Amino acid sequence: MHQVTEALCANLQLIFPHVEQLRLGIGPDTPLAVQQWQGLIAVNYAARDRGVKRLDTVAEAREKCPDIRFVHVTTFTDSSPPAYYPSPSPSTHKVSLDEYRRASRKIMDVVKRLCPTMNKASIDEAYLDVSEIVKDNILQDIERQQLEWASSVEAAWASDALSESALILPVPIVRWIAMSRKGKEREPANEPLPGTTDFGILVGNAPPVSYGWGDLQLKYAAMFASHVRSIIFQELGYRCSAGVAHNKLLAKLGSALNKPNVQTVFLQSQVEPFMYTFPLSGLPSLGGKLGALVETAFNARTAGDIMSYTVEQLS
């Protein structure tokens, strides 16, 4: 089995408005914005669909969406604890985001319990190294004879994607759409987006059947991601998206591709085609001045433009 890392990036769904929706019993279809004084610091998807944006003023948001619900963050004074006061003033009150931090801690505690090798990246994002969990689950299924192996012809066809050391092992078949009881591939009940499978949305033009240990590990990582997301929702009521890949960067990009409440999987065969057209400014740490400098220095706008340079030229 390949000694590679399977990384998940769990991304919560706009945690500030999500916390308020749960606290107030408001459904996700109701436009809602979290307000700090006369500006908005977060808006839910229903409000976004109506044109409301983070950093809009309250007046601007109300003009775009007259039925929007505003919730001011908790505030406190020198003599009163943090609470949802009806008319707080910046001259007498200070802002407290403790309500959201507490919600984040509860969610991260659940994630940590399920995957001890997690790392919190921010209040609404965490990285999970699930390599050992995936390996153990695959070994258990090998013992139970639950895996499907490629024929010699299929294995030869798939060998280009495998390392020489991997060829001493049988080649697993990785089905991204479950088999029906009659032995036929079962189509997803709903397919709202291209690439939808039983284990998440596959990036690019990925086939419903792939081969090799790398993709098998991704499938098991996707199953674990689905389990984590399900437990978070069952225990706390929060929905989250996730990215599944062989490294943290791709996992992070994947977690943001198909929000809300969807997980996205990067098969090995689709990484290069995806990155070839992906804008440099969309990569972590390259969205600001550094990214602009890189774009200017190398006359590059996408990761594919950078691929034309050698390592020596880039260094």
C-alpha atoms as a PDB file:
ATOM      1  CA  MET A   1       0.000   0.000   0.000  1.00  0.00           C
ATOM      2  CA  HIS A   2       1.317   3.458  -0.860  1.00  0.00           C
ATOM      3  CA  GLN A   3       2.722   5.358   2.091  1.00  0.00           C
ATOM      4  CA  VAL A   4       0.903   8.583   1.355  1.00  0.00           C
ATOM      5  CA  THR A   5      -1.078  11.061   3.372  1.00  0.00           C
ATOM      6  CA  GLU A   6      -4.829  11.344   3.142  1.00  0.00           C
ATOM      7  CA  ALA A   7      -5.834  14.835   4.197  1.00  0.00           C
ATOM      8  CA  LEU A   8      -9.249  16.231   4.952  1.00  0.00           C
ATOM      9  CA  CYS A   9     -10.128  19.877   5.322  1.00  0.00           C
ATOM     10  CA  ALA A  10     -13.387  20.390   7.191  1.00  0.00           C
ATOM     11  CA  ASN A  11     -14.925  23.788   6.584  1.00  0.00           C
ATOM     12  CA  LEU A  12     -17.926  24.960   8.594  1.00  0.00           C
ATOM     13  CA  GLN A  13     -20.799  26.696   6.853  1.00  0.00           C
ATOM     14  CA  LEU A  14     -20.456  30.406   7.708  1.00  0.00           C
ATOM     15  CA  ILE A  15     -20.226  29.674  11.415  1.00  0.00           C
ATOM     16  CA  PHE A  16     -21.445  33.073  12.698  1.00  0.00           C
ATOM     17  CA  PRO A  17     -24.862  32.992  10.966  1.00  0.00           C
ATOM     18  CA  HIS A  18     -25.068  29.225  11.493  1.00  0.00           C
ATOM     19  CA  VAL A  19     -24.733  29.686  15.255  1.00  0.00           C
ATOM     20  CA  GLU A  20     -27.481  32.299  15.199  1.00  0.00           C
ATOM     21  CA  GLN A  21     -29.780  30.176  13.031  1.00  0.00           C
ATOM     22  CA  LEU A  22     -29.545  27.321  15.526  1.00  0.00           C
ATOM     23  CA  ARG A  23     -29.913  29.596  18.549  1.00  0.00           C
ATOM     24  CA  LEU A  24     -33.005  31.306  17.161  1.00  0.00           C
ATOM     25  CA  GLY A  25     -34.511  28.306  15.401  1.00  0.00           C
ATOM     26  CA  ILE A  26     -34.297  29.999  11.999  1.00  0.00           C
ATOM     27  CA  GLY A  27     -34.210  27.800   8.900  1.00  0.00           C
ATOM     28  CA  PRO A  28     -31.431  28.099   6.302  1.00  0.00           C
ATOM     29  CA  ASP A  29     -33.845  29.542   3.730  1.00  0.00           C
ATOM     30  CA  THR A  30     -34.376  32.699   5.793  1.00  0.00           C
ATOM     31  CA  PRO A  31     -31.934  35.502   4.861  1.00  0.00           C
ATOM     32  CA  LEU A  32     -29.873  36.329   7.941  1.00  0.00           C
ATOM     33  CA  ALA A  33     -26.916  38.594   8.617  1.00  0.00           C
ATOM     34  CA  VAL A  34     -24.713  38.990  11.666  1.00  0.00           C
ATOM     35  CA  GLN A  35     -24.332  42.665  12.460  1.00  0.00           C
ATOM     36  CA  GLN A  36     -21.595  44.573  14.287  1.00  0.00           C
ATOM     37  CA  TRP A  37     -22.756  48.138  14.819  1.00  0.00           C
ATOM     38  CA  GLN A  38     -23.965  49.304  11.389  1.00  0.00           C
ATOM     39  CA  GLY A  39     -21.913  46.861   9.310  1.00  0.00           C
ATOM     40  CA  LEU A  40     -22.280  43.170   8.485  1.00  0.00           C
ATOM     41  CA  ILE A  41     -19.539  40.713   9.439  1.00  0.00           C
ATOM     42  CA  ALA A  42     -21.225  37.560   8.068  1.00  0.00           C
ATOM     43  CA  VAL A  43     -24.254  36.625   5.968  1.00  0.00           C
ATOM     44  CA  ASN A  44     -25.847  33.243   5.324  1.00  0.00           C
ATOM     45  CA  TYR A  45     -26.317  31.664   1.899  1.00  0.00           C
ATOM     46  CA  ALA A  46     -29.953  32.741   1.626  1.00  0.00           C
ATOM     47  CA  ALA A  47     -28.868  36.365   2.070  1.00  0.00           C
ATOM     48  CA  ARG A  48     -26.003  35.916  -0.382  1.00  0.00           C
ATOM     49  CA  ASP A  49     -28.457  34.669  -2.972  1.00  0.00           C
ATOM     50  CA  ARG A  50     -30.321  37.967  -2.593  1.00  0.00           C
ATOM     51  CA  GLY A  51     -27.154  39.968  -3.248  1.00  0.00           C
ATOM     52  CA  VAL A  52     -26.220  40.789   0.345  1.00  0.00           C
ATOM     53  CA  LYS A  53     -22.486  40.759   0.988  1.00  0.00           C
ATOM     54  CA  ARG A  54     -20.220  40.739   3.998  1.00  0.00           C
ATOM     55  CA  LEU A  55     -19.155  44.312   4.838  1.00  0.00           C
ATOM     56  CA  ASP A  56     -22.400  45.752   3.466  1.00  0.00           C
ATOM     57  CA  THR A  57     -23.997  48.267   5.755  1.00  0.00           C
ATOM     58  CA  VAL A  58     -27.291  47.455   7.411  1.00  0.00           C
ATOM     59  CA  ALA A  59     -29.017  49.980   5.161  1.00  0.00           C
ATOM     60  CA  GLU A  60     -27.494  48.501   2.008  1.00  0.00           C
ATOM     61  CA  ALA A  61     -28.494  44.984   3.030  1.00  0.00           C
ATOM     62  CA  ARG A  62     -32.071  46.019   3.813  1.00  0.00           C
ATOM     63  CA  GLU A  63     -32.353  47.709   0.431  1.00  0.00           C
ATOM     64  CA  LYS A  64     -31.210  44.547  -1.341  1.00  0.00           C
ATOM     65  CA  CYS A  65     -33.263  42.214   0.830  1.00  0.00           C
ATOM     66  CA  PRO A  66     -36.137  43.864   2.736  1.00  0.00           C
ATOM     67  CA  ASP A  67     -37.027  40.691   4.653  1.00  0.00           C
ATOM     68  CA  ILE A  68     -33.503  39.999   5.912  1.00  0.00           C
ATOM     69  CA  ARG A  69     -33.101  39.164   9.611  1.00  0.00           C
ATOM     70  CA  PHE A  70     -30.338  41.043  11.450  1.00  0.00           C
ATOM     71  CA  VAL A  71     -28.666  39.688  14.586  1.00  0.00           C
ATOM     72  CA  HIS A  72     -26.189  41.890  16.421  1.00  0.00           C
ATOM     73  CA  VAL A  73     -23.208  40.138  17.992  1.00  0.00           C
ATOM     74  CA  THR A  74     -23.099  39.951  21.759  1.00  0.00           C
ATOM     75  CA  THR A  75     -21.695  42.987  23.532  1.00  0.00           C
ATOM     76  CA  PHE A  76     -20.737  43.897  27.082  1.00  0.00           C
ATOM     77  CA  THR A  77     -20.006  46.893  29.261  1.00  0.00           C
ATOM     78  CA  ASP A  78     -17.778  47.424  32.257  1.00  0.00           C
ATOM     79  CA  SER A  79     -20.682  46.477  34.496  1.00  0.00           C
ATOM     80  CA  SER A  80     -22.590  43.920  32.400  1.00  0.00           C
ATOM     81  CA  PRO A  81     -21.607  40.536  30.936  1.00  0.00           C
ATOM     82  CA  PRO A  82     -21.722  39.628  27.222  1.00  0.00           C
ATOM     83  CA  ALA A  83     -25.322  39.289  26.035  1.00  0.00           C
ATOM     84  CA  TYR A  84     -27.615  40.041  23.110  1.00  0.00           C
ATOM     85  CA  TYR A  85     -28.579  43.585  24.075  1.00  0.00           C
ATOM     86  CA  PRO A  86     -31.371  45.169  21.980  1.00  0.00           C
ATOM     87  CA  SER A  87     -29.633  48.448  21.118  1.00  0.00           C
ATOM     88  CA  PRO A  88     -25.912  48.319  21.888  1.00  0.00           C
ATOM     89  CA  SER A  89     -23.827  51.422  21.223  1.00  0.00           C
ATOM     90  CA  PRO A  90     -20.104  51.545  20.408  1.00  0.00           C
ATOM     91  CA  SER A  91     -19.833  54.392  22.910  1.00  0.00           C
ATOM     92  CA  THR A  92     -20.974  52.205  25.817  1.00  0.00           C
ATOM     93  CA  HIS A  93     -20.498  48.588  24.676  1.00  0.00           C
ATOM     94  CA  LYS A  94     -17.663  46.394  23.475  1.00  0.00           C
ATOM     95  CA  VAL A  95     -17.980  43.467  21.090  1.00  0.00           C
ATOM     96  CA  SER A  96     -17.720  39.860  22.250  1.00  0.00           C
ATOM     97  CA  LEU A  97     -17.390  36.914  19.844  1.00  0.00           C
ATOM     98  CA  ASP A  98     -17.322  34.348  22.651  1.00  0.00           C
ATOM     99  CA  GLU A  99     -20.602  32.806  21.467  1.00  0.00           C
ATOM    100  CA  TYR A 100     -18.959  31.739  18.220  1.00  0.00           C
ATOM    101  CA  ARG A 101     -15.739  30.645  19.869  1.00  0.00           C
ATOM    102  CA  ARG A 102     -17.703  28.360  22.200  1.00  0.00           C
ATOM    103  CA  ALA A 103     -19.518  26.839  19.235  1.00  0.00           C
ATOM    104  CA  SER A 104     -16.208  26.320  17.451  1.00  0.00           C
ATOM    105  CA  ARG A 105     -14.686  24.598  20.504  1.00  0.00           C
ATOM    106  CA  LYS A 106     -17.617  22.171  20.691  1.00  0.00           C
ATOM    107  CA  ILE A 107     -17.264  21.302  17.024  1.00  0.00           C
ATOM    108  CA  MET A 108     -13.487  20.917  17.227  1.00  0.00           C
ATOM    109  CA  ASP A 109     -13.871  18.682  20.280  1.00  0.00           C
ATOM    110  CA  VAL A 110     -16.072  16.342  18.235  1.00  0.00           C
ATOM    111  CA  VAL A 111     -13.568  16.337  15.373  1.00  0.00           C
ATOM    112  CA  LYS A 112     -10.687  15.692  17.792  1.00  0.00           C
ATOM    113  CA  ARG A 113     -12.551  12.784  19.342  1.00  0.00           C
ATOM    114  CA  LEU A 114     -13.073  11.183  15.933  1.00  0.00           C
ATOM    115  CA  CYS A 115      -9.620  12.031  14.568  1.00  0.00           C
ATOM    116  CA  PRO A 116      -6.922  12.754  17.177  1.00  0.00           C
ATOM    117  CA  THR A 117      -4.521  13.817  14.399  1.00  0.00           C
ATOM    118  CA  MET A 118      -6.518  16.928  13.563  1.00  0.00           C
ATOM    119  CA  ASN A 119      -5.214  20.472  13.557  1.00  0.00           C
ATOM    120  CA  LYS A 120      -7.435  23.496  13.995  1.00  0.00           C
ATOM    121  CA  ALA A 121      -6.660  26.076  11.313  1.00  0.00           C
ATOM    122  CA  SER A 122      -9.169  28.752  12.306  1.00  0.00           C
ATOM    123  CA  ILE A 123     -12.470  29.200  14.099  1.00  0.00           C
ATOM    124  CA  ASP A 124     -14.269  27.448  11.240  1.00  0.00           C
ATOM    125  CA  GLU A 125     -11.666  25.193   9.635  1.00  0.00           C
ATOM    126  CA  ALA A 126      -9.635  22.124  10.574  1.00  0.00           C
ATOM    127  CA  TYR A 127      -7.220  19.764   8.847  1.00  0.00           C
ATOM    128  CA  LEU A 128      -7.425  16.027   9.507  1.00  0.00           C
ATOM    129  CA  ASP A 129      -4.610  13.602   8.746  1.00  0.00           C
ATOM    130  CA  VAL A 130      -6.587  10.375   8.338  1.00  0.00           C
ATOM    131  CA  SER A 131      -3.759   8.233   6.952  1.00  0.00           C
ATOM    132  CA  GLU A 132      -3.718   5.725   9.823  1.00  0.00           C
ATOM    133  CA  ILE A 133      -7.506   5.562  10.046  1.00  0.00           C
ATOM    134  CA  VAL A 134      -7.717   4.864   6.313  1.00  0.00           C
ATOM    135  CA  LYS A 135      -4.980   2.228   6.449  1.00  0.00           C
ATOM    136  CA  ASP A 136      -6.639   0.380   9.327  1.00  0.00           C
ATOM    137  CA  ASN A 137     -10.040   0.422   7.616  1.00  0.00           C
ATOM    138  CA  ILE A 138      -8.603  -0.874   4.333  1.00  0.00           C
ATOM    139  CA  LEU A 139      -6.718  -3.679   6.092  1.00  0.00           C
ATOM    140  CA  GLN A 140      -9.900  -4.705   7.879  1.00  0.00           C
ATOM    141  CA  ASP A 141     -11.775  -4.871   4.587  1.00  0.00           C
ATOM    142  CA  ILE A 142      -8.972  -6.882   2.991  1.00  0.00           C
ATOM    143  CA  GLU A 143      -9.308  -9.436   5.787  1.00  0.00           C
ATOM    144  CA  ARG A 144     -13.086  -9.494   5.253  1.00  0.00           C
ATOM    145  CA  GLN A 145     -12.530  -9.906   1.491  1.00  0.00           C
ATOM    146  CA  GLN A 146     -14.555  -6.758   0.838  1.00  0.00           C
ATOM    147  CA  LEU A 147     -12.286  -5.312  -1.853  1.00  0.00           C
ATOM    148  CA  GLU A 148     -12.622  -5.840  -5.585  1.00  0.00           C
ATOM    149  CA  TRP A 149      -9.469  -6.560  -7.581  1.00  0.00           C
ATOM    150  CA  ALA A 150      -8.681  -5.670 -11.173  1.00  0.00           C
ATOM    151  CA  SER A 151      -8.110  -8.353 -13.784  1.00  0.00           C
ATOM    152  CA  SER A 152      -4.675  -8.640 -15.350  1.00  0.00           C
ATOM    153  CA  VAL A 153      -5.859  -6.597 -18.345  1.00  0.00           C
ATOM    154  CA  GLU A 154      -7.313  -3.859 -16.156  1.00  0.00           C
ATOM    155  CA  ALA A 155      -4.200  -3.881 -13.983  1.00  0.00           C
ATOM    156  CA  ALA A 156      -1.968  -3.414 -17.029  1.00  0.00           C
ATOM    157  CA  TRP A 157      -4.153  -0.540 -18.213  1.00  0.00           C
ATOM    158  CA  ALA A 158      -3.928   1.124 -14.796  1.00  0.00           C
ATOM    159  CA  SER A 159      -0.205   0.500 -14.255  1.00  0.00           C
ATOM    160  CA  ASP A 160       0.861   3.838 -15.743  1.00  0.00           C
ATOM    161  CA  ALA A 161      -0.512   5.574 -12.668  1.00  0.00           C
ATOM    162  CA  LEU A 162       1.210   3.233 -10.220  1.00  0.00           C
ATOM    163  CA  SER A 163       4.782   3.150  -8.970  1.00  0.00           C
ATOM    164  CA  GLU A 164       6.937   0.097  -9.633  1.00  0.00           C
ATOM    165  CA  SER A 165       6.830  -0.864  -5.962  1.00  0.00           C
ATOM    166  CA  ALA A 166       3.039  -0.902  -6.117  1.00  0.00           C
ATOM    167  CA  LEU A 167       2.977  -3.375  -9.018  1.00  0.00           C
ATOM    168  CA  ILE A 168       3.879  -6.257  -6.704  1.00  0.00           C
ATOM    169  CA  LEU A 169       0.443  -5.773  -5.142  1.00  0.00           C
ATOM    170  CA  PRO A 170      -2.899  -6.523  -6.754  1.00  0.00           C
ATOM    171  CA  VAL A 171      -4.646  -3.489  -8.167  1.00  0.00           C
ATOM    172  CA  PRO A 172      -7.908  -2.547  -6.421  1.00  0.00           C
ATOM    173  CA  ILE A 173     -10.961  -1.389  -8.342  1.00  0.00           C
ATOM    174  CA  VAL A 174     -12.391   1.789  -6.861  1.00  0.00           C
ATOM    175  CA  ARG A 175     -16.088   2.307  -7.541  1.00  0.00           C
ATOM    176  CA  TRP A 176     -17.372   5.772  -6.772  1.00  0.00           C
ATOM    177  CA  ILE A 177     -20.986   4.794  -7.421  1.00  0.00           C
ATOM    178  CA  ALA A 178     -22.215   1.912  -5.269  1.00  0.00           C
ATOM    179  CA  MET A 179     -23.301  -1.365  -6.829  1.00  0.00           C
ATOM    180  CA  SER A 180     -26.962  -2.360  -6.668  1.00  0.00           C
ATOM    181  CA  ARG A 181     -28.008  -5.769  -5.383  1.00  0.00           C
ATOM    182  CA  LYS A 182     -28.281  -6.901  -9.005  1.00  0.00           C
ATOM    183  CA  GLY A 183     -24.612  -6.090  -9.555  1.00  0.00           C
ATOM    184  CA  LYS A 184     -25.170  -2.972 -11.633  1.00  0.00           C
ATOM    185  CA  GLU A 185     -23.841   0.455 -10.839  1.00  0.00           C
ATOM    186  CA  ARG A 186     -26.467   2.426  -8.969  1.00  0.00           C
ATOM    187  CA  GLU A 187     -26.981   5.985 -10.114  1.00  0.00           C
ATOM    188  CA  PRO A 188     -27.076   8.648  -7.372  1.00  0.00           C
ATOM    189  CA  ALA A 189     -30.615   9.510  -6.269  1.00  0.00           C
ATOM    190  CA  ASN A 190     -29.982  13.135  -7.200  1.00  0.00           C
ATOM    191  CA  GLU A 191     -27.226  14.679  -9.272  1.00  0.00           C
ATOM    192  CA  PRO A 192     -27.381  18.424  -8.744  1.00  0.00           C
ATOM    193  CA  LEU A 193     -23.777  18.958  -9.827  1.00  0.00           C
ATOM    194  CA  PRO A 194     -21.477  17.193 -12.328  1.00  0.00           C
ATOM    195  CA  GLY A 195     -19.304  14.553 -10.734  1.00  0.00           C
ATOM    196  CA  THR A 196     -21.733  13.702  -7.933  1.00  0.00           C
ATOM    197  CA  THR A 197     -21.129  10.229  -6.499  1.00  0.00           C
ATOM    198  CA  ASP A 198     -21.989   8.309  -3.356  1.00  0.00           C
ATOM    199  CA  PHE A 199     -18.777   9.554  -1.727  1.00  0.00           C
ATOM    200  CA  GLY A 200     -18.726  13.207  -2.713  1.00  0.00           C
ATOM    201  CA  ILE A 201     -18.273  15.286  -5.836  1.00  0.00           C
ATOM    202  CA  LEU A 202     -15.283  14.230  -7.931  1.00  0.00           C
ATOM    203  CA  VAL A 203     -13.233  17.084  -9.352  1.00  0.00           C
ATOM    204  CA  GLY A 204     -12.929  17.326 -13.119  1.00  0.00           C
ATOM    205  CA  ASN A 205     -13.750  14.556 -15.574  1.00  0.00           C
ATOM    206  CA  ALA A 206     -13.098  11.723 -13.156  1.00  0.00           C
ATOM    207  CA  PRO A 207     -14.599   8.364 -14.155  1.00  0.00           C
ATOM    208  CA  PRO A 208     -17.116   6.564 -11.917  1.00  0.00           C
ATOM    209  CA  VAL A 209     -14.592   3.702 -11.658  1.00  0.00           C
ATOM    210  CA  SER A 210     -10.879   4.183 -11.039  1.00  0.00           C
ATOM    211  CA  TYR A 211      -7.981   1.926 -10.133  1.00  0.00           C
ATOM    212  CA  GLY A 212      -5.104   1.843  -7.714  1.00  0.00           C
ATOM    213  CA  TRP A 213      -4.230   2.146  -4.055  1.00  0.00           C
ATOM    214  CA  GLY A 214      -4.043   5.931  -4.088  1.00  0.00           C
ATOM    215  CA  ASP A 215      -7.637   6.338  -5.208  1.00  0.00           C
ATOM    216  CA  LEU A 216      -8.764   3.564  -2.874  1.00  0.00           C
ATOM    217  CA  GLN A 217      -7.277   5.475   0.039  1.00  0.00           C
ATOM    218  CA  LEU A 218      -9.117   8.596  -1.097  1.00  0.00           C
ATOM    219  CA  LYS A 219     -12.391   6.669  -1.196  1.00  0.00           C
ATOM    220  CA  TYR A 220     -11.913   5.488   2.389  1.00  0.00           C
ATOM    221  CA  ALA A 221     -10.927   9.012   3.412  1.00  0.00           C
ATOM    222  CA  ALA A 222     -14.126  10.272   1.780  1.00  0.00           C
ATOM    223  CA  MET A 223     -16.161   7.723   3.725  1.00  0.00           C
ATOM    224  CA  PHE A 224     -14.553   8.926   6.947  1.00  0.00           C
ATOM    225  CA  ALA A 225     -15.188  12.561   6.003  1.00  0.00           C
ATOM    226  CA  SER A 226     -18.856  11.751   5.502  1.00  0.00           C
ATOM    227  CA  HIS A 227     -18.909  10.076   8.923  1.00  0.00           C
ATOM    228  CA  VAL A 228     -17.339  13.106  10.643  1.00  0.00           C
ATOM    229  CA  ARG A 229     -19.757  15.499   8.976  1.00  0.00           C
ATOM    230  CA  SER A 230     -22.689  13.301   9.951  1.00  0.00           C
ATOM    231  CA  ILE A 231     -21.634  13.135  13.612  1.00  0.00           C
ATOM    232  CA  ILE A 232     -21.157  16.907  13.804  1.00  0.00           C
ATOM    233  CA  PHE A 233     -24.676  17.406  12.469  1.00  0.00           C
ATOM    234  CA  GLN A 234     -26.250  14.730  14.686  1.00  0.00           C
ATOM    235  CA  GLU A 235     -24.634  15.953  17.900  1.00  0.00           C
ATOM    236  CA  LEU A 236     -24.504  19.706  17.372  1.00  0.00           C
ATOM    237  CA  GLY A 237     -26.683  20.556  14.389  1.00  0.00           C
ATOM    238  CA  TYR A 238     -23.925  22.139  12.305  1.00  0.00           C
ATOM    239  CA  ARG A 239     -23.342  21.366   8.642  1.00  0.00           C
ATOM    240  CA  CYS A 240     -19.930  21.522   7.045  1.00  0.00           C
ATOM    241  CA  SER A 241     -18.235  20.929   3.735  1.00  0.00           C
ATOM    242  CA  ALA A 242     -15.012  18.959   3.284  1.00  0.00           C
ATOM    243  CA  GLY A 243     -12.177  18.492   0.835  1.00  0.00           C
ATOM    244  CA  VAL A 244     -10.514  15.095   0.414  1.00  0.00           C
ATOM    245  CA  ALA A 245      -7.071  14.832  -1.168  1.00  0.00           C
ATOM    246  CA  HIS A 246      -3.536  13.568  -0.715  1.00  0.00           C
ATOM    247  CA  ASN A 247      -2.295  16.889   0.664  1.00  0.00           C
ATOM    248  CA  LYS A 248      -3.570  19.816   2.725  1.00  0.00           C
ATOM    249  CA  LEU A 249      -3.493  22.378  -0.078  1.00  0.00           C
ATOM    250  CA  LEU A 250      -5.802  20.378  -2.341  1.00  0.00           C
ATOM    251  CA  ALA A 251      -8.010  19.436   0.605  1.00  0.00           C
ATOM    252  CA  LYS A 252      -8.448  23.129   1.436  1.00  0.00           C
ATOM    253  CA  LEU A 253      -9.245  24.034  -2.165  1.00  0.00           C
ATOM    254  CA  GLY A 254     -11.697  21.143  -2.382  1.00  0.00           C
ATOM    255  CA  SER A 255     -13.540  22.143   0.785  1.00  0.00           C
ATOM    256  CA  ALA A 256     -14.464  25.476  -0.814  1.00  0.00           C
ATOM    257  CA  LEU A 257     -15.446  24.231  -4.264  1.00  0.00           C
ATOM    258  CA  ASN A 258     -18.968  22.973  -3.643  1.00  0.00           C
ATOM    259  CA  LYS A 259     -20.382  24.683  -0.566  1.00  0.00           C
ATOM    260  CA  PRO A 260     -22.605  24.341   1.296  1.00  0.00           C
ATOM    261  CA  ASN A 261     -22.686  20.945   2.998  1.00  0.00           C
ATOM    262  CA  VAL A 262     -20.879  18.980   0.271  1.00  0.00           C
ATOM    263  CA  GLN A 263     -17.572  17.131   0.214  1.00  0.00           C
ATOM    264  CA  THR A 264     -15.252  17.197  -2.797  1.00  0.00           C
ATOM    265  CA  VAL A 265     -12.654  14.582  -3.742  1.00  0.00           C
ATOM    266  CA  PHE A 266      -9.466  15.093  -5.768  1.00  0.00           C
ATOM    267  CA  LEU A 267      -8.609  11.877  -7.609  1.00  0.00           C
ATOM    268  CA  GLN A 268      -4.948  11.676  -8.537  1.00  0.00           C
ATOM    269  CA  SER A 269      -5.707  11.788 -12.277  1.00  0.00           C
ATOM    270  CA  GLN A 270      -7.543  15.108 -11.932  1.00  0.00           C
ATOM    271  CA  VAL A 271      -5.048  17.127  -9.905  1.00  0.00           C
ATOM    272  CA  GLU A 272      -2.893  18.395 -12.766  1.00  0.00           C
ATOM    273  CA  PRO A 273      -5.794  19.304 -15.104  1.00  0.00           C
ATOM    274  CA  PHE A 274      -7.492  21.179 -12.274  1.00  0.00           C
ATOM    275  CA  MET A 275      -4.401  23.047 -11.167  1.00  0.00           C
ATOM    276  CA  TYR A 276      -3.446  23.904 -14.740  1.00  0.00           C
ATOM    277  CA  THR A 277      -6.329  26.381 -15.032  1.00  0.00           C
ATOM    278  CA  PHE A 278      -6.608  27.372 -11.375  1.00  0.00           C
ATOM    279  CA  PRO A 279      -5.839  31.089 -10.770  1.00  0.00           C
ATOM    280  CA  LEU A 280      -2.744  31.828  -8.725  1.00  0.00           C
ATOM    281  CA  SER A 281      -4.693  34.381  -6.727  1.00  0.00           C
ATOM    282  CA  GLY A 282      -6.929  31.576  -5.477  1.00  0.00           C
ATOM    283  CA  LEU A 283      -4.066  29.756  -3.781  1.00  0.00           C
ATOM    284  CA  PRO A 284      -3.475  30.293  -0.051  1.00  0.00           C
ATOM    285  CA  SER A 285      -1.043  33.168   0.616  1.00  0.00           C
ATOM    286  CA  LEU A 286      -1.145  34.310  -3.034  1.00  0.00           C
ATOM    287  CA  GLY A 287      -4.320  36.347  -2.925  1.00  0.00           C
ATOM    288  CA  GLY A 288      -2.679  39.657  -2.019  1.00  0.00           C
ATOM    289  CA  LYS A 289       0.511  41.565  -2.736  1.00  0.00           C
ATOM    290  CA  LEU A 290       2.718  38.457  -2.872  1.00  0.00           C
ATOM    291  CA  GLY A 291       0.453  36.882  -5.471  1.00  0.00           C
ATOM    292  CA  ALA A 292       0.526  40.055  -7.555  1.00  0.00           C
ATOM    293  CA  LEU A 293       4.333  40.072  -7.412  1.00  0.00           C
ATOM    294  CA  VAL A 294       4.507  36.433  -8.528  1.00  0.00           C
ATOM    295  CA  GLU A 295       2.065  37.065 -11.372  1.00  0.00           C
ATOM    296  CA  THR A 296       4.113  40.031 -12.576  1.00  0.00           C
ATOM    297  CA  ALA A 297       7.526  38.385 -12.173  1.00  0.00           C
ATOM    298  CA  PHE A 298       6.559  35.253 -14.125  1.00  0.00           C
ATOM    299  CA  ASN A 299       3.859  36.691 -16.379  1.00  0.00           C
ATOM    300  CA  ALA A 300       1.559  34.082 -14.892  1.00  0.00           C
ATOM    301  CA  ARG A 301      -2.112  34.067 -14.064  1.00  0.00           C
ATOM    302  CA  THR A 302      -2.727  30.364 -13.388  1.00  0.00           C
ATOM    303  CA  ALA A 303      -0.852  27.521 -11.749  1.00  0.00           C
ATOM    304  CA  GLY A 304      -0.466  26.077 -15.245  1.00  0.00           C
ATOM    305  CA  ASP A 305       1.522  29.141 -16.284  1.00  0.00           C
ATOM    306  CA  ILE A 306       3.956  28.447 -13.442  1.00  0.00           C
ATOM    307  CA  MET A 307       4.290  24.795 -14.506  1.00  0.00           C
ATOM    308  CA  SER A 308       6.148  25.909 -17.637  1.00  0.00           C
ATOM    309  CA  TYR A 309       9.092  27.050 -15.489  1.00  0.00           C
ATOM    310  CA  THR A 310      11.783  24.784 -14.109  1.00  0.00           C
ATOM    311  CA  VAL A 311      12.512  24.579 -10.390  1.00  0.00           C
ATOM    312  CA  GLU A 312      15.795  26.395 -11.022  1.00  0.00           C
ATOM    313  CA  GLN A 313      13.999  29.249 -12.795  1.00  0.00           C
ATOM    314  CA  LEU A 314      11.498  29.591  -9.973  1.00  0.00           C
ATOM    315  CA  SER A 315      14.214  29.665  -7.308  1.00  0.00           C
END
